[in-house]
Protein backbone atom coordinates (compact mmCIF):
# COMPACT_ATOMS: atom_id res chain seq x y z
CA UNK A 1 -7.04 -6.43 18.92
CA UNK A 2 -4.86 -8.04 16.25
CA UNK A 3 -1.78 -7.00 14.37
CA UNK A 4 -2.18 -4.20 11.84
CA UNK A 5 -0.73 -4.82 8.38
CA UNK A 6 0.04 -2.41 5.54
CA UNK A 7 -2.72 -3.99 3.48
CA UNK A 8 -5.24 -2.81 6.07
CA UNK A 9 -4.44 0.79 5.11
CA UNK A 10 -3.77 0.27 1.42
CA UNK A 11 -7.33 0.08 0.09
CA UNK A 12 -8.28 3.30 1.87
CA UNK A 13 -5.20 5.13 0.58
CA UNK A 14 -5.74 3.91 -2.98
CA UNK A 15 -9.40 4.89 -2.83
CA UNK A 16 -8.54 8.41 -1.69
CA UNK A 17 -6.01 8.69 -4.51
CA UNK A 18 -8.58 7.52 -7.08
CA UNK A 19 -6.47 4.64 -8.36
CA UNK A 20 -7.90 2.18 -10.84
CA UNK A 21 -8.40 -1.44 -9.80
CA UNK A 22 -5.41 -2.72 -11.79
CA UNK A 23 -3.08 -0.34 -9.95
CA UNK A 24 -4.63 -1.26 -6.59
CA UNK A 25 -3.91 -4.94 -7.29
CA UNK A 26 -0.28 -4.13 -8.15
CA UNK A 27 0.02 -2.13 -4.93
CA UNK A 28 -1.42 -5.04 -2.96
CA UNK A 29 1.19 -7.34 -4.50
CA UNK A 30 3.94 -4.91 -3.51
CA UNK A 31 2.65 -4.77 0.07
CA UNK A 32 2.45 -8.57 0.20
CA UNK A 33 6.04 -8.82 -1.06
CA UNK A 34 7.22 -6.31 1.57
CA UNK A 35 5.60 -8.46 4.26
CA UNK A 36 7.32 -11.57 2.86
CA UNK A 37 10.67 -9.77 3.03
CA UNK A 38 10.00 -8.81 6.66
CA UNK A 39 11.17 -5.24 6.14
CA UNK A 40 10.15 -4.25 9.68
CA UNK A 41 8.69 -0.91 8.69
CA UNK A 42 5.59 0.76 10.02
CA UNK A 43 2.54 -0.67 8.19
CA UNK A 44 1.24 2.82 7.51
CA UNK A 45 4.62 3.83 6.03
CA UNK A 46 4.67 0.83 3.70
CA UNK A 47 1.07 1.45 2.56
CA UNK A 48 1.74 5.15 2.04
CA UNK A 49 4.90 4.52 0.03
CA UNK A 50 3.32 1.88 -2.17
CA UNK A 51 0.10 3.80 -2.81
CA UNK A 52 1.85 7.12 -3.47
CA UNK A 53 4.02 5.58 -6.19
CA UNK A 54 1.23 5.98 -8.76
CA UNK A 55 -0.39 9.12 -7.37
CA UNK A 56 -0.65 12.20 -9.62
CA UNK A 57 1.88 14.02 -7.41
CA UNK A 58 4.57 11.51 -8.41
CA UNK A 59 3.90 11.73 -12.14
């Protein structure tokens, strides 16, 4: 079993939120950047934070 990354959760979260492809790509870039910065946060927390940024509840 390998390491779990935020990107592993991101697609599922974005799909459940009904995000358009352009927003999903932006979210993927944000997750990638967070991994580059080595933020040492739970992958599920990073994916949830990034994907919820554009959810209807935030608007």
